Amino acid sequence: MWRDWINGILGVWLIVLGFLGFPASVKAILVIATGIIIAFLSFWKGVSARARKEVAASSEESEAKTRYEKTV
């Protein structure tokens, strides 16, 4: 959730950055750095979501095994 907020804030930062009057070279560095941060947060969110799904699936599988073993 907090990564979504940070991505939104960084998006607004990119919009505002165009109006701040920085020299082109500084603006380019800031845009690239912001893009790297956004990409990192997005990939991190994807990886953590996938990990949560795998943990949930293995947990459900172990619960099903436990229930089966109790009935046998």
C-alpha atoms as a PDB file:
ATOM      1  CA  MET A   1       0.000   0.000   0.000  1.00  0.00           C
ATOM      2  CA  TRP A   2       2.703   2.459   0.951  1.00  0.00           C
ATOM      3  CA  ARG A   3       4.549   1.712  -2.309  1.00  0.00           C
ATOM      4  CA  ASP A   4       1.476   2.822  -4.236  1.00  0.00           C
ATOM      5  CA  TRP A   5       1.481   6.125  -2.364  1.00  0.00           C
ATOM      6  CA  ILE A   6       5.172   6.648  -3.057  1.00  0.00           C
ATOM      7  CA  ASN A   7       4.657   5.891  -6.758  1.00  0.00           C
ATOM      8  CA  GLY A   8       1.833   8.435  -6.843  1.00  0.00           C
ATOM      9  CA  ILE A   9       3.934  11.082  -5.120  1.00  0.00           C
ATOM     10  CA  LEU A  10       6.828  10.433  -7.497  1.00  0.00           C
ATOM     11  CA  GLY A  11       4.447  10.757 -10.445  1.00  0.00           C
ATOM     12  CA  VAL A  12       3.320  14.157  -9.191  1.00  0.00           C
ATOM     13  CA  TRP A  13       7.002  15.057  -8.666  1.00  0.00           C
ATOM     14  CA  LEU A  14       7.669  14.304 -12.348  1.00  0.00           C
ATOM     15  CA  ILE A  15       4.811  16.570 -13.386  1.00  0.00           C
ATOM     16  CA  VAL A  16       5.979  19.423 -11.149  1.00  0.00           C
ATOM     17  CA  LEU A  17       9.598  18.927 -12.192  1.00  0.00           C
ATOM     18  CA  GLY A  18       8.843  20.289 -15.640  1.00  0.00           C
ATOM     19  CA  PHE A  19       7.803  23.637 -14.182  1.00  0.00           C
ATOM     20  CA  LEU A  20      10.616  24.180 -11.663  1.00  0.00           C
ATOM     21  CA  GLY A  21      13.128  25.729 -14.057  1.00  0.00           C
ATOM     22  CA  PHE A  22      16.089  23.431 -13.472  1.00  0.00           C
ATOM     23  CA  PRO A  23      18.776  23.337 -16.179  1.00  0.00           C
ATOM     24  CA  ALA A  24      18.243  20.552 -18.713  1.00  0.00           C
ATOM     25  CA  SER A  25      21.128  18.422 -17.427  1.00  0.00           C
ATOM     26  CA  VAL A  26      19.885  18.564 -13.811  1.00  0.00           C
ATOM     27  CA  LYS A  27      16.331  17.875 -14.928  1.00  0.00           C
ATOM     28  CA  ALA A  28      17.494  14.838 -16.909  1.00  0.00           C
ATOM     29  CA  ILE A  29      19.331  13.433 -13.886  1.00  0.00           C
ATOM     30  CA  LEU A  30      16.293  13.972 -11.646  1.00  0.00           C
ATOM     31  CA  VAL A  31      13.938  12.339 -14.156  1.00  0.00           C
ATOM     32  CA  ILE A  32      16.236   9.323 -14.558  1.00  0.00           C
ATOM     33  CA  ALA A  33      16.672   8.934 -10.789  1.00  0.00           C
ATOM     34  CA  THR A  34      12.916   9.175 -10.249  1.00  0.00           C
ATOM     35  CA  GLY A  35      12.302   6.603 -12.984  1.00  0.00           C
ATOM     36  CA  ILE A  36      14.764   4.210 -11.384  1.00  0.00           C
ATOM     37  CA  ILE A  37      13.030   4.563  -8.014  1.00  0.00           C
ATOM     38  CA  ILE A  38       9.589   3.999  -9.552  1.00  0.00           C
ATOM     39  CA  ALA A  39      10.825   0.928 -11.465  1.00  0.00           C
ATOM     40  CA  PHE A  40      12.464  -0.502  -8.325  1.00  0.00           C
ATOM     41  CA  LEU A  41       9.301  -0.052  -6.256  1.00  0.00           C
ATOM     42  CA  SER A  42       7.139  -1.586  -8.993  1.00  0.00           C
ATOM     43  CA  PHE A  43       9.351  -4.651  -9.405  1.00  0.00           C
ATOM     44  CA  TRP A  44       9.597  -5.021  -5.624  1.00  0.00           C
ATOM     45  CA  LYS A  45       5.820  -4.937  -5.339  1.00  0.00           C
ATOM     46  CA  GLY A  46       5.478  -7.590  -8.035  1.00  0.00           C
ATOM     47  CA  VAL A  47       8.031  -9.879  -6.426  1.00  0.00           C
ATOM     48  CA  SER A  48       6.528  -9.523  -2.959  1.00  0.00           C
ATOM     49  CA  ALA A  49       3.010 -10.166  -4.300  1.00  0.00           C
ATOM     50  CA  ARG A  50       4.233 -13.319  -6.015  1.00  0.00           C
ATOM     51  CA  ALA A  51       5.974 -14.463  -2.835  1.00  0.00           C
ATOM     52  CA  ARG A  52       2.801 -13.889  -0.799  1.00  0.00           C
ATOM     53  CA  LYS A  53       0.809 -16.012  -3.275  1.00  0.00           C
ATOM     54  CA  GLU A  54       3.361 -18.822  -3.096  1.00  0.00           C
ATOM     55  CA  VAL A  55       3.351 -18.781   0.699  1.00  0.00           C
ATOM     56  CA  ALA A  56      -0.449 -18.831   0.763  1.00  0.00           C
ATOM     57  CA  ALA A  57      -0.561 -21.728  -1.704  1.00  0.00           C
ATOM     58  CA  SER A  58       1.965 -23.794   0.255  1.00  0.00           C
ATOM     59  CA  SER A  59       0.115 -23.038   3.485  1.00  0.00           C
ATOM     60  CA  GLU A  60      -3.180 -24.218   1.994  1.00  0.00           C
ATOM     61  CA  GLU A  61      -1.461 -27.338   0.659  1.00  0.00           C
ATOM     62  CA  SER A  62       0.020 -28.214   4.063  1.00  0.00           C
ATOM     63  CA  GLU A  63      -3.361 -27.645   5.743  1.00  0.00           C
ATOM     64  CA  ALA A  64      -5.016 -29.961   3.235  1.00  0.00           C
ATOM     65  CA  LYS A  65      -2.349 -32.626   3.904  1.00  0.00           C
ATOM     66  CA  THR A  66      -2.854 -32.273   7.646  1.00  0.00           C
ATOM     67  CA  ARG A  67      -6.622 -32.649   7.289  1.00  0.00           C
ATOM     68  CA  TYR A  68      -6.151 -35.728   5.071  1.00  0.00           C
ATOM     69  CA  GLU A  69      -3.701 -37.319   7.511  1.00  0.00           C
ATOM     70  CA  LYS A  70      -6.134 -36.783  10.389  1.00  0.00           C
ATOM     71  CA  THR A  71      -8.930 -38.558   8.520  1.00  0.00           C
ATOM     72  CA  VAL A  72      -6.772 -41.548   7.522  1.00  0.00           C
END
